[in-house]
Amino acid sequence: MKKPDSVISFVTSRVLKLSNTLGLYSSRRYRDEFGLTLPEWRVLSVVAYSEPTTAREISRILATDKGWIGLSADSLRRRGYVCGTPDERDRRRTLLTLTEEGRKKHEAVLAVSTWRQERLMACLPDGAGDLFIECLERLQAEAEKLLEESEALKGAPATASRQSPGK
């Protein structure tokens, strides 16, 4: 593998560019076609996948800020797509579920998301889609290890070995 010669050659930059491009497409399409922001769609989708759920759990699944999740969930509640009820076991938590309108909206957007996924996978060579997903899963797992390591090293003095593990 060729050694990166600038930040734009790094895997992280390439993944970020792909994510931003697809996010921009989705943001425009979901807003224009379904009246949803991309963050609202993501929250709606996770609620559909794991209901009943909480903003904290959605934040964990999406690896994003709980405040951003709360704003999106509030917007979805006001518009009648999500219902929030107090958790019987912990009254500080609100359990989120889809309403009937939320289910219809989810199914409509999911159809477009599925079409986009199929189109993206179809541009890859035969069998490469599954390998690509496996590679992304490995990269995610390694990134999570890096994050855990950085958390464990908080407060420790910076050293060359900390900055470039394994060298």
N, C-alpha and C. Protein backbone atom coordinates (compact mmCIF):
# COMPACT_ATOMS: atom_id res chain seq x y z
N MET A 1 0.83 -1.18 0.00
CA MET A 1 0.00 0.00 0.00
C MET A 1 0.89 1.25 0.00
N LYS A 2 0.52 2.20 -0.83
CA LYS A 2 1.27 3.44 -0.93
C LYS A 2 1.10 4.27 0.35
N LYS A 3 2.20 4.82 0.83
CA LYS A 3 2.17 5.65 2.03
C LYS A 3 1.51 6.99 1.69
N PRO A 4 0.55 7.45 2.52
CA PRO A 4 -0.12 8.72 2.24
C PRO A 4 0.88 9.87 2.22
N ASP A 5 0.73 10.75 1.24
CA ASP A 5 1.65 11.88 1.14
C ASP A 5 1.00 13.20 1.57
N SER A 6 -0.30 13.17 1.87
CA SER A 6 -0.97 14.35 2.41
C SER A 6 -2.22 13.89 3.14
N VAL A 7 -2.80 14.79 3.89
CA VAL A 7 -3.97 14.44 4.69
C VAL A 7 -5.12 13.94 3.81
N ILE A 8 -5.23 14.42 2.59
CA ILE A 8 -6.32 13.97 1.73
C ILE A 8 -6.14 12.54 1.24
N SER A 9 -4.96 11.99 1.42
CA SER A 9 -4.70 10.60 1.05
C SER A 9 -5.02 9.62 2.17
N PHE A 10 -5.21 10.12 3.38
CA PHE A 10 -5.49 9.25 4.52
C PHE A 10 -6.87 8.62 4.40
N VAL A 11 -7.01 7.40 4.92
CA VAL A 11 -8.29 6.70 4.93
C VAL A 11 -9.34 7.58 5.61
N THR A 12 -8.97 8.22 6.71
CA THR A 12 -9.94 9.03 7.44
C THR A 12 -10.50 10.16 6.57
N SER A 13 -9.67 10.79 5.77
CA SER A 13 -10.14 11.86 4.88
C SER A 13 -11.05 11.31 3.79
N ARG A 14 -10.70 10.17 3.26
CA ARG A 14 -11.52 9.57 2.21
C ARG A 14 -12.89 9.13 2.74
N VAL A 15 -12.91 8.54 3.93
CA VAL A 15 -14.17 8.13 4.54
C VAL A 15 -15.01 9.36 4.87
N LEU A 16 -14.37 10.41 5.38
CA LEU A 16 -15.08 11.64 5.69
C LEU A 16 -15.69 12.26 4.43
N LYS A 17 -14.92 12.30 3.34
CA LYS A 17 -15.42 12.88 2.09
C LYS A 17 -16.62 12.08 1.57
N LEU A 18 -16.52 10.76 1.59
CA LEU A 18 -17.62 9.91 1.16
C LEU A 18 -18.85 10.14 2.04
N SER A 19 -18.65 10.17 3.35
CA SER A 19 -19.74 10.40 4.28
C SER A 19 -20.39 11.76 4.04
N ASN A 20 -19.59 12.78 3.84
CA ASN A 20 -20.14 14.12 3.61
C ASN A 20 -20.91 14.20 2.30
N THR A 21 -20.39 13.56 1.26
CA THR A 21 -21.08 13.57 -0.04
C THR A 21 -22.43 12.86 0.05
N LEU A 22 -22.43 11.68 0.65
CA LEU A 22 -23.68 10.93 0.80
C LEU A 22 -24.64 11.63 1.77
N GLY A 23 -24.09 12.25 2.80
CA GLY A 23 -24.92 13.00 3.74
C GLY A 23 -25.59 14.19 3.08
N LEU A 24 -24.86 14.89 2.21
CA LEU A 24 -25.43 16.02 1.49
C LEU A 24 -26.55 15.57 0.57
N TYR A 25 -26.32 14.47 -0.16
CA TYR A 25 -27.36 13.91 -1.02
C TYR A 25 -28.60 13.57 -0.20
N SER A 26 -28.40 12.82 0.89
CA SER A 26 -29.52 12.38 1.71
C SER A 26 -30.23 13.58 2.34
N SER A 27 -29.48 14.52 2.83
CA SER A 27 -30.06 15.69 3.46
C SER A 27 -30.99 16.43 2.50
N ARG A 28 -30.54 16.64 1.29
CA ARG A 28 -31.36 17.33 0.30
C ARG A 28 -32.58 16.50 -0.09
N ARG A 29 -32.37 15.24 -0.34
CA ARG A 29 -33.47 14.39 -0.80
C ARG A 29 -34.53 14.22 0.27
N TYR A 30 -34.11 13.93 1.51
CA TYR A 30 -35.07 13.69 2.59
C TYR A 30 -35.83 14.97 2.94
N ARG A 31 -35.13 16.10 2.88
CA ARG A 31 -35.81 17.38 3.14
C ARG A 31 -36.85 17.66 2.07
N ASP A 32 -36.44 17.54 0.81
CA ASP A 32 -37.33 17.88 -0.30
C ASP A 32 -38.48 16.89 -0.47
N GLU A 33 -38.18 15.62 -0.32
CA GLU A 33 -39.18 14.58 -0.59
C GLU A 33 -40.03 14.20 0.62
N PHE A 34 -39.44 14.27 1.82
CA PHE A 34 -40.13 13.78 3.01
C PHE A 34 -40.30 14.81 4.13
N GLY A 35 -39.70 15.99 3.95
CA GLY A 35 -39.81 17.01 4.99
C GLY A 35 -39.05 16.68 6.26
N LEU A 36 -38.00 15.87 6.14
CA LEU A 36 -37.18 15.49 7.29
C LEU A 36 -35.75 15.98 7.11
N THR A 37 -35.13 16.37 8.21
CA THR A 37 -33.69 16.63 8.16
C THR A 37 -32.97 15.28 8.25
N LEU A 38 -31.72 15.25 7.89
CA LEU A 38 -30.95 14.02 7.99
C LEU A 38 -30.86 13.55 9.45
N PRO A 39 -30.60 14.45 10.42
CA PRO A 39 -30.60 14.00 11.82
C PRO A 39 -31.95 13.42 12.25
N GLU A 40 -33.05 14.02 11.80
CA GLU A 40 -34.36 13.48 12.14
C GLU A 40 -34.54 12.08 11.55
N TRP A 41 -34.11 11.88 10.31
CA TRP A 41 -34.21 10.56 9.70
C TRP A 41 -33.40 9.54 10.49
N ARG A 42 -32.21 9.90 10.89
CA ARG A 42 -31.38 8.96 11.63
C ARG A 42 -32.03 8.57 12.95
N VAL A 43 -32.58 9.54 13.65
CA VAL A 43 -33.26 9.25 14.91
C VAL A 43 -34.49 8.39 14.66
N LEU A 44 -35.30 8.76 13.68
CA LEU A 44 -36.50 8.00 13.33
C LEU A 44 -36.14 6.55 13.02
N SER A 45 -35.08 6.37 12.27
CA SER A 45 -34.65 5.03 11.87
C SER A 45 -34.18 4.20 13.07
N VAL A 46 -33.43 4.81 13.96
CA VAL A 46 -32.96 4.07 15.14
C VAL A 46 -34.13 3.74 16.06
N VAL A 47 -35.08 4.65 16.20
CA VAL A 47 -36.26 4.35 17.02
C VAL A 47 -37.00 3.16 16.41
N ALA A 48 -37.18 3.16 15.09
CA ALA A 48 -37.86 2.05 14.43
C ALA A 48 -37.12 0.74 14.66
N TYR A 49 -35.82 0.79 14.67
CA TYR A 49 -34.98 -0.40 14.82
C TYR A 49 -34.97 -0.94 16.25
N SER A 50 -35.05 -0.03 17.23
CA SER A 50 -34.82 -0.49 18.61
C SER A 50 -35.86 0.02 19.61
N GLU A 51 -37.06 0.29 19.14
CA GLU A 51 -38.07 0.81 20.08
C GLU A 51 -38.53 -0.24 21.08
N PRO A 52 -38.89 0.15 22.28
CA PRO A 52 -38.73 1.49 22.81
C PRO A 52 -37.26 1.75 23.13
N THR A 53 -36.86 3.00 22.96
CA THR A 53 -35.47 3.36 23.19
C THR A 53 -35.39 4.75 23.79
N THR A 54 -34.21 5.15 24.17
CA THR A 54 -34.00 6.46 24.78
C THR A 54 -33.04 7.28 23.94
N ALA A 55 -33.02 8.58 24.19
CA ALA A 55 -32.07 9.45 23.50
C ALA A 55 -30.63 9.00 23.77
N ARG A 56 -30.38 8.57 24.98
CA ARG A 56 -29.02 8.10 25.33
C ARG A 56 -28.62 6.89 24.48
N GLU A 57 -29.55 5.95 24.32
CA GLU A 57 -29.26 4.76 23.53
C GLU A 57 -29.08 5.12 22.05
N ILE A 58 -29.89 6.01 21.54
CA ILE A 58 -29.74 6.46 20.15
C ILE A 58 -28.39 7.12 19.98
N SER A 59 -28.01 7.94 20.94
CA SER A 59 -26.71 8.60 20.91
C SER A 59 -25.57 7.59 20.87
N ARG A 60 -25.71 6.53 21.66
CA ARG A 60 -24.68 5.48 21.67
C ARG A 60 -24.62 4.76 20.33
N ILE A 61 -25.78 4.40 19.78
CA ILE A 61 -25.82 3.67 18.51
C ILE A 61 -25.22 4.50 17.38
N LEU A 62 -25.56 5.80 17.34
CA LEU A 62 -25.08 6.67 16.27
C LEU A 62 -23.72 7.30 16.57
N ALA A 63 -23.21 7.09 17.79
CA ALA A 63 -21.95 7.69 18.21
C ALA A 63 -21.96 9.20 17.99
N THR A 64 -23.00 9.83 18.54
CA THR A 64 -23.15 11.26 18.37
C THR A 64 -23.66 11.91 19.64
N ASP A 65 -23.73 13.22 19.64
CA ASP A 65 -24.09 14.01 20.80
C ASP A 65 -25.55 13.81 21.21
N LYS A 66 -25.77 13.59 22.51
CA LYS A 66 -27.13 13.36 23.02
C LYS A 66 -28.01 14.59 22.85
N GLY A 67 -27.44 15.78 22.94
CA GLY A 67 -28.21 17.01 22.75
C GLY A 67 -28.79 17.10 21.35
N TRP A 68 -27.98 16.73 20.35
CA TRP A 68 -28.42 16.72 18.95
C TRP A 68 -29.57 15.72 18.78
N ILE A 69 -29.45 14.59 19.44
CA ILE A 69 -30.50 13.57 19.39
C ILE A 69 -31.79 14.12 20.01
N GLY A 70 -31.65 14.78 21.16
CA GLY A 70 -32.80 15.33 21.85
C GLY A 70 -33.55 16.35 20.99
N LEU A 71 -32.82 17.21 20.30
CA LEU A 71 -33.45 18.21 19.43
C LEU A 71 -34.22 17.52 18.30
N SER A 72 -33.61 16.52 17.71
CA SER A 72 -34.27 15.80 16.62
C SER A 72 -35.50 15.05 17.12
N ALA A 73 -35.37 14.40 18.28
CA ALA A 73 -36.50 13.66 18.85
C ALA A 73 -37.64 14.61 19.20
N ASP A 74 -37.32 15.78 19.75
CA ASP A 74 -38.35 16.76 20.06
C ASP A 74 -39.10 17.20 18.81
N SER A 75 -38.36 17.44 17.74
CA SER A 75 -38.98 17.84 16.47
C SER A 75 -39.90 16.72 15.95
N LEU A 76 -39.43 15.49 16.03
CA LEU A 76 -40.24 14.35 15.58
C LEU A 76 -41.49 14.17 16.44
N ARG A 77 -41.38 14.46 17.74
CA ARG A 77 -42.55 14.38 18.63
C ARG A 77 -43.57 15.45 18.27
N ARG A 78 -43.10 16.68 18.08
CA ARG A 78 -44.00 17.78 17.74
C ARG A 78 -44.75 17.52 16.44
N ARG A 79 -44.11 16.80 15.52
CA ARG A 79 -44.71 16.54 14.22
C ARG A 79 -45.50 15.23 14.18
N GLY A 80 -45.55 14.54 15.31
CA GLY A 80 -46.39 13.36 15.41
C GLY A 80 -45.79 12.07 14.89
N TYR A 81 -44.46 12.01 14.74
CA TYR A 81 -43.81 10.79 14.24
C TYR A 81 -43.30 9.90 15.36
N VAL A 82 -43.04 10.49 16.52
CA VAL A 82 -42.48 9.76 17.66
C VAL A 82 -43.28 10.13 18.89
N CYS A 83 -43.45 9.15 19.76
CA CYS A 83 -44.14 9.36 21.03
C CYS A 83 -43.14 9.12 22.15
N GLY A 84 -43.15 9.97 23.15
CA GLY A 84 -42.26 9.80 24.29
C GLY A 84 -43.07 9.55 25.55
N THR A 85 -42.73 8.48 26.28
CA THR A 85 -43.42 8.17 27.54
C THR A 85 -42.37 7.93 28.63
N PRO A 86 -42.68 8.34 29.86
CA PRO A 86 -41.72 8.13 30.95
C PRO A 86 -41.46 6.64 31.17
N ASP A 87 -40.21 6.31 31.44
CA ASP A 87 -39.82 4.94 31.75
C ASP A 87 -40.32 4.61 33.16
N GLU A 88 -41.07 3.53 33.30
CA GLU A 88 -41.61 3.13 34.60
C GLU A 88 -40.51 2.82 35.61
N ARG A 89 -39.38 2.32 35.14
CA ARG A 89 -38.28 1.95 36.04
C ARG A 89 -37.41 3.13 36.42
N ASP A 90 -37.36 4.15 35.56
CA ASP A 90 -36.53 5.33 35.82
C ASP A 90 -37.23 6.54 35.22
N ARG A 91 -37.95 7.29 36.03
CA ARG A 91 -38.78 8.39 35.56
C ARG A 91 -37.97 9.51 34.91
N ARG A 92 -36.65 9.50 35.06
CA ARG A 92 -35.82 10.52 34.41
C ARG A 92 -35.67 10.23 32.91
N ARG A 93 -35.89 9.00 32.54
CA ARG A 93 -35.73 8.58 31.14
C ARG A 93 -37.06 8.62 30.41
N THR A 94 -36.99 8.97 29.14
CA THR A 94 -38.17 8.95 28.28
C THR A 94 -37.97 7.88 27.23
N LEU A 95 -38.93 7.00 27.11
CA LEU A 95 -38.88 5.94 26.10
C LEU A 95 -39.54 6.43 24.82
N LEU A 96 -38.84 6.29 23.72
CA LEU A 96 -39.32 6.75 22.42
C LEU A 96 -39.82 5.58 21.59
N THR A 97 -40.99 5.76 20.98
CA THR A 97 -41.56 4.78 20.07
C THR A 97 -42.13 5.52 18.87
N LEU A 98 -42.32 4.81 17.78
CA LEU A 98 -42.92 5.41 16.59
C LEU A 98 -44.43 5.45 16.72
N THR A 99 -45.03 6.50 16.18
CA THR A 99 -46.48 6.55 16.02
C THR A 99 -46.80 5.89 14.68
N GLU A 100 -48.07 5.74 14.38
CA GLU A 100 -48.46 5.16 13.08
C GLU A 100 -47.93 6.03 11.94
N GLU A 101 -48.03 7.36 12.10
CA GLU A 101 -47.50 8.27 11.07
C GLU A 101 -45.98 8.12 10.96
N GLY A 102 -45.34 7.92 12.10
CA GLY A 102 -43.89 7.71 12.11
C GLY A 102 -43.50 6.45 11.36
N ARG A 103 -44.29 5.39 11.53
CA ARG A 103 -44.02 4.13 10.81
C ARG A 103 -44.15 4.32 9.30
N LYS A 104 -45.20 5.04 8.90
CA LYS A 104 -45.38 5.30 7.46
C LYS A 104 -44.23 6.11 6.90
N LYS A 105 -43.82 7.14 7.64
CA LYS A 105 -42.72 7.99 7.19
C LYS A 105 -41.43 7.17 7.12
N HIS A 106 -41.21 6.35 8.14
CA HIS A 106 -40.01 5.52 8.18
C HIS A 106 -39.96 4.58 6.97
N GLU A 107 -41.07 3.92 6.68
CA GLU A 107 -41.10 2.99 5.55
C GLU A 107 -40.82 3.70 4.23
N ALA A 108 -41.36 4.90 4.06
CA ALA A 108 -41.15 5.65 2.82
C ALA A 108 -39.68 6.04 2.65
N VAL A 109 -39.08 6.56 3.71
CA VAL A 109 -37.67 6.98 3.63
C VAL A 109 -36.76 5.76 3.52
N LEU A 110 -37.11 4.69 4.22
CA LEU A 110 -36.31 3.47 4.16
C LEU A 110 -36.24 2.92 2.73
N ALA A 111 -37.32 3.04 1.99
CA ALA A 111 -37.31 2.57 0.60
C ALA A 111 -36.27 3.34 -0.23
N VAL A 112 -36.18 4.64 -0.02
CA VAL A 112 -35.19 5.45 -0.74
C VAL A 112 -33.78 5.10 -0.26
N SER A 113 -33.63 4.94 1.05
CA SER A 113 -32.32 4.58 1.61
C SER A 113 -31.84 3.23 1.10
N THR A 114 -32.77 2.29 0.99
CA THR A 114 -32.43 0.95 0.48
C THR A 114 -32.04 1.03 -0.98
N TRP A 115 -32.75 1.82 -1.76
CA TRP A 115 -32.41 2.02 -3.17
C TRP A 115 -30.99 2.59 -3.30
N ARG A 116 -30.68 3.60 -2.48
CA ARG A 116 -29.35 4.22 -2.52
C ARG A 116 -28.28 3.19 -2.15
N GLN A 117 -28.54 2.41 -1.11
CA GLN A 117 -27.59 1.37 -0.70
C GLN A 117 -27.33 0.38 -1.83
N GLU A 118 -28.41 -0.07 -2.48
CA GLU A 118 -28.26 -1.02 -3.58
C GLU A 118 -27.49 -0.40 -4.74
N ARG A 119 -27.76 0.85 -5.05
CA ARG A 119 -27.03 1.51 -6.14
C ARG A 119 -25.55 1.63 -5.82
N LEU A 120 -25.22 2.00 -4.61
CA LEU A 120 -23.82 2.12 -4.22
C LEU A 120 -23.11 0.77 -4.28
N MET A 121 -23.75 -0.26 -3.78
CA MET A 121 -23.12 -1.59 -3.79
C MET A 121 -22.98 -2.13 -5.21
N ALA A 122 -23.91 -1.75 -6.10
CA ALA A 122 -23.88 -2.24 -7.48
C ALA A 122 -22.70 -1.67 -8.27
N CYS A 123 -22.15 -0.55 -7.84
CA CYS A 123 -21.02 0.03 -8.58
C CYS A 123 -19.69 -0.66 -8.24
N LEU A 124 -19.71 -1.53 -7.24
CA LEU A 124 -18.51 -2.26 -6.84
C LEU A 124 -18.42 -3.58 -7.60
N PRO A 125 -17.21 -4.10 -7.75
CA PRO A 125 -17.07 -5.41 -8.41
C PRO A 125 -17.83 -6.50 -7.63
N ASP A 126 -18.20 -7.57 -8.33
CA ASP A 126 -18.92 -8.68 -7.69
C ASP A 126 -18.20 -9.13 -6.42
N GLY A 127 -18.97 -9.24 -5.34
CA GLY A 127 -18.43 -9.71 -4.07
C GLY A 127 -17.73 -8.64 -3.26
N ALA A 128 -17.43 -7.51 -3.86
CA ALA A 128 -16.68 -6.47 -3.15
C ALA A 128 -17.54 -5.76 -2.11
N GLY A 129 -18.85 -5.73 -2.30
CA GLY A 129 -19.72 -5.05 -1.34
C GLY A 129 -19.63 -5.68 0.04
N ASP A 130 -19.71 -7.00 0.10
CA ASP A 130 -19.61 -7.68 1.39
C ASP A 130 -18.23 -7.47 2.01
N LEU A 131 -17.19 -7.54 1.18
CA LEU A 131 -15.83 -7.30 1.68
C LEU A 131 -15.69 -5.86 2.18
N PHE A 132 -16.27 -4.90 1.47
CA PHE A 132 -16.21 -3.50 1.87
C PHE A 132 -16.88 -3.32 3.24
N ILE A 133 -18.05 -3.92 3.43
CA ILE A 133 -18.74 -3.82 4.72
C ILE A 133 -17.88 -4.45 5.81
N GLU A 134 -17.28 -5.60 5.53
CA GLU A 134 -16.39 -6.24 6.51
C GLU A 134 -15.21 -5.34 6.85
N CYS A 135 -14.64 -4.70 5.85
CA CYS A 135 -13.52 -3.78 6.09
C CYS A 135 -13.96 -2.59 6.93
N LEU A 136 -15.13 -2.04 6.65
CA LEU A 136 -15.65 -0.93 7.45
C LEU A 136 -15.84 -1.37 8.90
N GLU A 137 -16.36 -2.57 9.11
CA GLU A 137 -16.55 -3.07 10.47
C GLU A 137 -15.21 -3.21 11.19
N ARG A 138 -14.20 -3.69 10.49
CA ARG A 138 -12.86 -3.81 11.10
C ARG A 138 -12.28 -2.44 11.42
N LEU A 139 -12.44 -1.49 10.49
CA LEU A 139 -11.96 -0.13 10.74
C LEU A 139 -12.68 0.49 11.93
N GLN A 140 -13.99 0.27 12.03
CA GLN A 140 -14.75 0.81 13.16
C GLN A 140 -14.25 0.21 14.47
N ALA A 141 -14.04 -1.08 14.50
CA ALA A 141 -13.55 -1.74 15.71
C ALA A 141 -12.17 -1.20 16.10
N GLU A 142 -11.31 -1.01 15.13
CA GLU A 142 -9.97 -0.49 15.42
C GLU A 142 -10.05 0.96 15.88
N ALA A 143 -10.93 1.75 15.28
CA ALA A 143 -11.11 3.14 15.70
C ALA A 143 -11.61 3.20 17.14
N GLU A 144 -12.51 2.29 17.50
CA GLU A 144 -13.00 2.25 18.88
C GLU A 144 -11.89 1.88 19.85
N LYS A 145 -10.98 0.98 19.43
CA LYS A 145 -9.83 0.65 20.27
C LYS A 145 -8.93 1.87 20.46
N LEU A 146 -8.71 2.60 19.37
CA LEU A 146 -7.90 3.82 19.47
C LEU A 146 -8.53 4.81 20.46
N LEU A 147 -9.83 4.96 20.37
CA LEU A 147 -10.53 5.86 21.27
C LEU A 147 -10.40 5.40 22.72
N GLU A 148 -10.58 4.11 22.96
CA GLU A 148 -10.43 3.57 24.32
C GLU A 148 -9.01 3.80 24.83
N GLU A 149 -8.02 3.58 23.97
CA GLU A 149 -6.63 3.79 24.36
C GLU A 149 -6.37 5.25 24.71
N SER A 150 -6.94 6.16 23.93
CA SER A 150 -6.72 7.58 24.21
C SER A 150 -7.38 7.98 25.53
N GLU A 151 -8.54 7.38 25.82
CA GLU A 151 -9.21 7.64 27.10
C GLU A 151 -8.36 7.11 28.26
N ALA A 152 -7.76 5.94 28.08
CA ALA A 152 -6.94 5.33 29.13
C ALA A 152 -5.67 6.14 29.38
N LEU A 153 -5.21 6.85 28.37
CA LEU A 153 -3.97 7.62 28.49
C LEU A 153 -4.19 9.06 28.95
N LYS A 154 -5.42 9.45 29.16
CA LYS A 154 -5.68 10.82 29.62
C LYS A 154 -4.89 11.10 30.88
N GLY A 155 -4.25 12.22 30.87
CA GLY A 155 -3.50 12.60 32.05
C GLY A 155 -2.08 12.06 32.07
N ALA A 156 -1.79 11.07 31.24
CA ALA A 156 -0.43 10.53 31.19
C ALA A 156 0.45 11.46 30.36
N PRO A 157 1.72 11.60 30.69
CA PRO A 157 2.59 12.48 29.91
C PRO A 157 2.75 11.95 28.48
N ALA A 158 2.81 12.88 27.52
CA ALA A 158 2.97 12.50 26.11
C ALA A 158 4.36 11.91 25.90
N THR A 159 4.40 10.80 25.14
CA THR A 159 5.67 10.19 24.78
C THR A 159 5.62 9.82 23.31
N ALA A 160 6.77 9.55 22.75
CA ALA A 160 6.81 9.16 21.34
C ALA A 160 6.04 7.86 21.12
N SER A 161 6.13 6.93 22.08
CA SER A 161 5.42 5.65 21.90
C SER A 161 3.91 5.86 21.95
N ARG A 162 3.44 6.86 22.71
CA ARG A 162 2.03 7.14 22.75
C ARG A 162 1.55 7.73 21.43
N GLN A 163 2.39 8.51 20.79
CA GLN A 163 2.00 9.18 19.56
C GLN A 163 1.99 8.25 18.37
N SER A 164 2.83 7.24 18.38
CA SER A 164 2.84 6.30 17.24
C SER A 164 3.02 4.89 17.79
N PRO A 165 1.90 4.27 18.20
CA PRO A 165 1.96 2.93 18.78
C PRO A 165 2.64 1.93 17.85
N GLY A 166 3.41 1.03 18.47
CA GLY A 166 4.04 -0.04 17.73
C GLY A 166 5.35 0.35 17.08
N LYS A 167 5.83 1.55 17.29
CA LYS A 167 7.11 1.96 16.68
C LYS A 167 8.13 2.27 17.75
